[in-house]
Amino acid sequence: MRPRNVFMVREGMRVTWILLLAIGLLLSLSVGCGKKKDGKDEKGPTTDKPVPAKPALTFSYEGVADKALETKSGFAFGSTKTFSAPDGAGGFKSTAAAIHSYYLANFDLDAAQGQISLGADLTKDGQIRVSFGLVGAEGTQAGGKTDPPPAKGEYTGAAEKFNQVSFVSITVFEGGKQVEHSFDKITGSVKITNATPELIEGEIDVKDEKKVVKGTFKVKPAL
């Protein structure tokens, strides 16, 4: 009986060592998971440098590509536009729609006199202003203190009259003078994603043959 007991003890110790080795191998694999050969974590960044924030709005025109607009102020000015069209009986009928003009700049805009001051000439080197207009649905109104904010939704350059991107312009002051880059045959769209009496937010992605404005924006209604 004694030799058998010794054999059983030895077999038990062998099994124990095999189990310990297996556990150790599993632990080493779990610790090494997610690590590269050089020991660095694959999921984490390999540098301590911060990732730069993506600019909210960028623009391009001939000679300038994907330049960021560091927006300091932005306003939307509303008014009502009247359209005349043949009525089918030899006369004309009038329809109206709200039009909101949006202004974003890298300097403090003056909204005291509405479009007159918002669209005033630039005066200093480095000043940049991006502006665009959105015509609402037929029958909408804007410009009064009790009028609603612009309707949420999409406005396109391809629209003929209503729900249209009516104009886009990039105005810069460089070389001692103001230069305006107005869009021709606008394609793309502007989406209003949030509109309240205090804040209007949206996304813009419009272009023509040589110019582009793309990104997100936030403006205050100018009353």
Protein backbone atom coordinates (compact mmCIF):
# COMPACT_ATOMS: atom_id res chain seq x y z
CA MET A 1 0.00 0.00 0.00
CA ARG A 2 2.83 2.46 0.75
CA PRO A 3 4.33 2.55 -2.81
CA ARG A 4 0.81 3.18 -4.17
CA ASN A 5 0.33 6.11 -1.81
CA VAL A 6 3.66 7.59 -2.91
CA PHE A 7 2.63 7.24 -6.56
CA MET A 8 -0.70 8.97 -5.89
CA VAL A 9 1.02 11.84 -4.09
CA ARG A 10 3.43 12.32 -6.98
CA GLU A 11 0.56 12.27 -9.51
CA GLY A 12 -1.34 14.82 -7.41
CA MET A 13 1.66 17.14 -7.30
CA ARG A 14 2.10 16.82 -11.09
CA VAL A 15 -1.55 17.76 -11.67
CA THR A 16 -1.20 20.72 -9.30
CA TRP A 17 1.87 22.01 -11.16
CA ILE A 18 0.12 21.66 -14.52
CA LEU A 19 -2.87 23.64 -13.20
CA LEU A 20 -0.59 26.35 -11.81
CA LEU A 21 1.27 26.64 -15.13
CA ALA A 22 -2.03 26.87 -17.03
CA ILE A 23 -3.31 29.62 -14.73
CA GLY A 24 -0.04 31.53 -15.09
CA LEU A 25 -0.22 31.29 -18.89
CA LEU A 26 -3.81 32.61 -18.93
CA LEU A 27 -2.86 35.53 -16.67
CA SER A 28 0.09 36.48 -18.86
CA LEU A 29 -2.12 36.41 -21.98
CA SER A 30 -4.77 38.63 -20.36
CA VAL A 31 -2.16 41.17 -19.22
CA GLY A 32 -0.57 41.22 -22.68
CA CYS A 33 -3.90 41.66 -24.48
CA GLY A 34 -4.21 45.12 -26.06
CA LYS A 35 -0.47 45.68 -26.03
CA LYS A 36 1.78 46.07 -29.04
CA LYS A 37 5.16 44.32 -29.29
CA ASP A 38 6.79 47.44 -27.87
CA GLY A 39 4.56 47.23 -24.81
CA LYS A 40 2.38 50.25 -25.64
CA ASP A 41 -1.39 50.14 -25.32
CA GLU A 42 -3.06 49.88 -28.72
CA LYS A 43 -6.20 51.65 -27.51
CA GLY A 44 -4.53 54.64 -25.96
CA PRO A 45 -2.71 57.46 -27.75
CA THR A 46 1.02 57.02 -28.25
CA THR A 47 1.70 60.69 -27.58
CA ASP A 48 0.95 63.15 -24.83
CA LYS A 49 0.10 65.93 -27.32
CA PRO A 50 -3.61 66.97 -27.24
CA VAL A 51 -5.67 66.29 -30.34
CA PRO A 52 -6.63 69.66 -31.90
CA ALA A 53 -10.35 70.43 -31.99
CA LYS A 54 -12.02 70.34 -35.39
CA PRO A 55 -12.97 73.87 -36.47
CA ALA A 56 -16.71 74.53 -36.49
CA LEU A 57 -16.70 76.34 -39.84
CA THR A 58 -14.25 76.26 -42.75
CA PHE A 59 -14.23 78.02 -46.10
CA SER A 60 -12.35 77.94 -49.38
CA TYR A 61 -11.97 80.24 -52.36
CA GLU A 62 -9.41 80.60 -55.13
CA GLY A 63 -5.98 80.56 -53.50
CA VAL A 64 -7.31 79.63 -50.04
CA ALA A 65 -8.25 76.08 -49.00
CA ASP A 66 -10.07 74.83 -45.89
CA LYS A 67 -9.38 77.90 -43.78
CA ALA A 68 -11.04 77.91 -40.36
CA LEU A 69 -13.29 80.77 -39.33
CA GLU A 70 -12.61 81.45 -35.66
CA THR A 71 -16.13 82.74 -35.05
CA LYS A 72 -16.34 85.50 -32.45
CA SER A 73 -19.92 86.62 -33.11
CA GLY A 74 -22.90 85.63 -35.22
CA PHE A 75 -26.38 86.99 -35.90
CA ALA A 76 -29.42 86.23 -38.05
CA PHE A 77 -31.58 89.09 -39.30
CA GLY A 78 -35.12 88.31 -40.41
CA SER A 79 -37.36 90.12 -42.89
CA THR A 80 -40.27 89.29 -45.18
CA LYS A 81 -39.76 89.07 -48.93
CA THR A 82 -42.64 89.56 -51.41
CA PHE A 83 -42.78 87.62 -54.68
CA SER A 84 -44.96 88.37 -57.70
CA ALA A 85 -45.99 85.69 -60.19
CA PRO A 86 -48.54 85.31 -62.99
CA ASP A 87 -51.90 84.18 -61.67
CA GLY A 88 -52.91 82.30 -64.82
CA ALA A 89 -55.69 84.76 -65.64
CA GLY A 90 -53.60 87.49 -67.22
CA GLY A 91 -52.75 89.17 -63.94
CA PHE A 92 -50.30 88.72 -61.12
CA LYS A 93 -50.52 87.44 -57.60
CA SER A 94 -48.24 88.22 -54.68
CA THR A 95 -46.86 85.74 -52.22
CA ALA A 96 -44.50 86.25 -49.31
CA ALA A 97 -41.87 84.30 -47.40
CA ALA A 98 -39.53 84.92 -44.51
CA ILE A 99 -35.89 85.47 -45.39
CA HIS A 100 -33.17 85.28 -42.76
CA SER A 101 -29.71 86.64 -43.46
CA TYR A 102 -26.95 85.03 -41.40
CA TYR A 103 -23.64 86.70 -40.50
CA LEU A 104 -20.67 85.01 -38.82
CA ALA A 105 -17.36 86.80 -38.22
CA ASN A 106 -14.03 86.57 -36.45
CA PHE A 107 -14.67 90.00 -34.90
CA ASP A 108 -17.51 91.64 -32.97
CA LEU A 109 -20.45 92.28 -35.31
CA ASP A 110 -22.70 95.29 -34.77
CA ALA A 111 -26.37 94.31 -34.94
CA ALA A 112 -27.76 97.68 -33.80
CA GLN A 113 -28.96 98.65 -37.30
CA GLY A 114 -29.77 95.20 -38.61
CA GLN A 115 -28.45 94.33 -42.05
CA ILE A 116 -26.95 97.78 -42.52
CA SER A 117 -24.48 97.38 -39.66
CA LEU A 118 -24.12 93.59 -39.92
CA GLY A 119 -23.08 93.92 -43.56
CA ALA A 120 -20.94 97.03 -43.09
CA ASP A 121 -17.57 97.25 -44.83
CA LEU A 122 -14.64 95.56 -43.12
CA THR A 123 -11.88 97.89 -41.96
CA LYS A 124 -8.96 95.88 -40.57
CA ASP A 125 -6.55 93.30 -41.98
CA GLY A 126 -7.50 89.78 -40.98
CA GLN A 127 -11.22 90.46 -40.60
CA ILE A 128 -13.42 87.73 -42.12
CA ARG A 129 -17.19 87.51 -42.45
CA VAL A 130 -19.23 84.64 -43.86
CA SER A 131 -22.84 85.44 -44.76
CA PHE A 132 -25.73 83.56 -46.35
CA GLY A 133 -29.48 83.91 -46.82
CA LEU A 134 -32.29 81.41 -46.35
CA VAL A 135 -35.77 81.89 -47.82
CA GLY A 136 -38.50 80.10 -45.88
CA ALA A 137 -41.70 78.41 -46.97
CA GLU A 138 -44.44 80.29 -48.78
CA GLY A 139 -46.58 82.34 -46.42
CA THR A 140 -44.00 82.64 -43.62
CA GLN A 141 -43.03 85.99 -42.08
CA ALA A 142 -40.06 87.43 -40.22
CA GLY A 143 -38.76 90.77 -39.02
CA GLY A 144 -41.21 91.52 -36.25
CA LYS A 145 -40.53 90.92 -32.57
CA THR A 146 -43.50 88.54 -32.38
CA ASP A 147 -42.62 86.59 -35.55
CA PRO A 148 -41.41 83.02 -35.03
CA PRO A 149 -37.78 81.98 -35.61
CA PRO A 150 -36.87 80.29 -38.90
CA ALA A 151 -38.36 76.85 -39.41
CA LYS A 152 -36.15 73.86 -38.76
CA GLY A 153 -35.33 71.85 -41.85
CA GLU A 154 -33.26 71.89 -45.02
CA TYR A 155 -32.75 74.80 -47.42
CA THR A 156 -31.07 74.09 -50.76
CA GLY A 157 -29.29 76.00 -53.46
CA ALA A 158 -31.28 74.07 -56.06
CA ALA A 159 -34.67 75.34 -54.85
CA GLU A 160 -36.28 77.83 -57.22
CA LYS A 161 -37.99 80.16 -54.76
CA PHE A 162 -38.93 78.81 -51.32
CA ASN A 163 -36.81 76.86 -48.81
CA GLN A 164 -33.86 78.20 -50.74
CA VAL A 165 -30.25 79.21 -50.05
CA SER A 166 -30.53 82.59 -51.76
CA PHE A 167 -26.96 83.85 -51.40
CA VAL A 168 -23.57 82.96 -49.89
CA SER A 169 -20.59 85.27 -49.54
CA ILE A 170 -17.11 85.23 -47.99
CA THR A 171 -15.84 88.74 -47.25
CA VAL A 172 -12.23 89.34 -46.21
CA PHE A 173 -10.03 92.36 -45.59
CA GLU A 174 -6.55 91.80 -46.94
CA GLY A 175 -3.86 93.90 -48.55
CA GLY A 176 -5.48 97.07 -47.26
CA LYS A 177 -8.86 96.50 -48.92
CA GLN A 178 -12.09 94.54 -48.68
CA VAL A 179 -12.57 91.62 -51.07
CA GLU A 180 -15.92 89.86 -51.44
CA HIS A 181 -16.18 86.31 -52.80
CA SER A 182 -19.83 85.80 -53.76
CA PHE A 183 -21.10 82.36 -54.74
CA ASP A 184 -22.51 81.72 -58.20
CA LYS A 185 -24.84 78.77 -58.96
CA ILE A 186 -24.98 77.55 -55.37
CA THR A 187 -25.15 73.81 -54.75
CA GLY A 188 -25.54 72.00 -51.45
CA SER A 189 -27.71 72.89 -48.49
CA VAL A 190 -28.11 74.50 -45.09
CA LYS A 191 -29.93 72.67 -42.30
CA ILE A 192 -31.48 74.50 -39.35
CA THR A 193 -31.33 72.00 -36.49
CA ASN A 194 -32.51 74.23 -33.64
CA ALA A 195 -34.34 77.55 -33.65
CA THR A 196 -35.60 79.52 -30.67
CA PRO A 197 -36.08 83.26 -30.03
CA GLU A 198 -32.66 83.24 -28.32
CA LEU A 199 -30.52 80.90 -30.46
CA ILE A 200 -30.38 79.43 -33.96
CA GLU A 201 -28.14 76.45 -34.75
CA GLY A 202 -27.44 74.63 -37.96
CA GLU A 203 -25.16 72.92 -40.45
CA ILE A 204 -23.93 74.33 -43.74
CA ASP A 205 -22.38 72.56 -46.72
CA VAL A 206 -22.54 74.75 -49.83
CA LYS A 207 -20.26 75.40 -52.77
CA ASP A 208 -19.94 76.68 -56.28
CA GLU A 209 -17.25 76.01 -58.85
CA LYS A 210 -14.42 77.57 -56.80
CA LYS A 211 -15.75 78.30 -53.31
CA VAL A 212 -16.90 76.24 -50.32
CA VAL A 213 -18.38 76.92 -46.89
CA LYS A 214 -18.83 73.92 -44.61
CA GLY A 215 -19.42 73.20 -40.93
CA THR A 216 -21.73 74.11 -38.07
CA PHE A 217 -22.87 77.47 -36.75
CA LYS A 218 -24.64 79.18 -33.86
CA VAL A 219 -26.12 82.67 -34.11
CA LYS A 220 -28.38 84.99 -32.16
CA PRO A 221 -31.48 86.50 -33.73
CA ALA A 222 -30.97 90.22 -34.35
CA LEU A 223 -34.16 92.05 -33.36
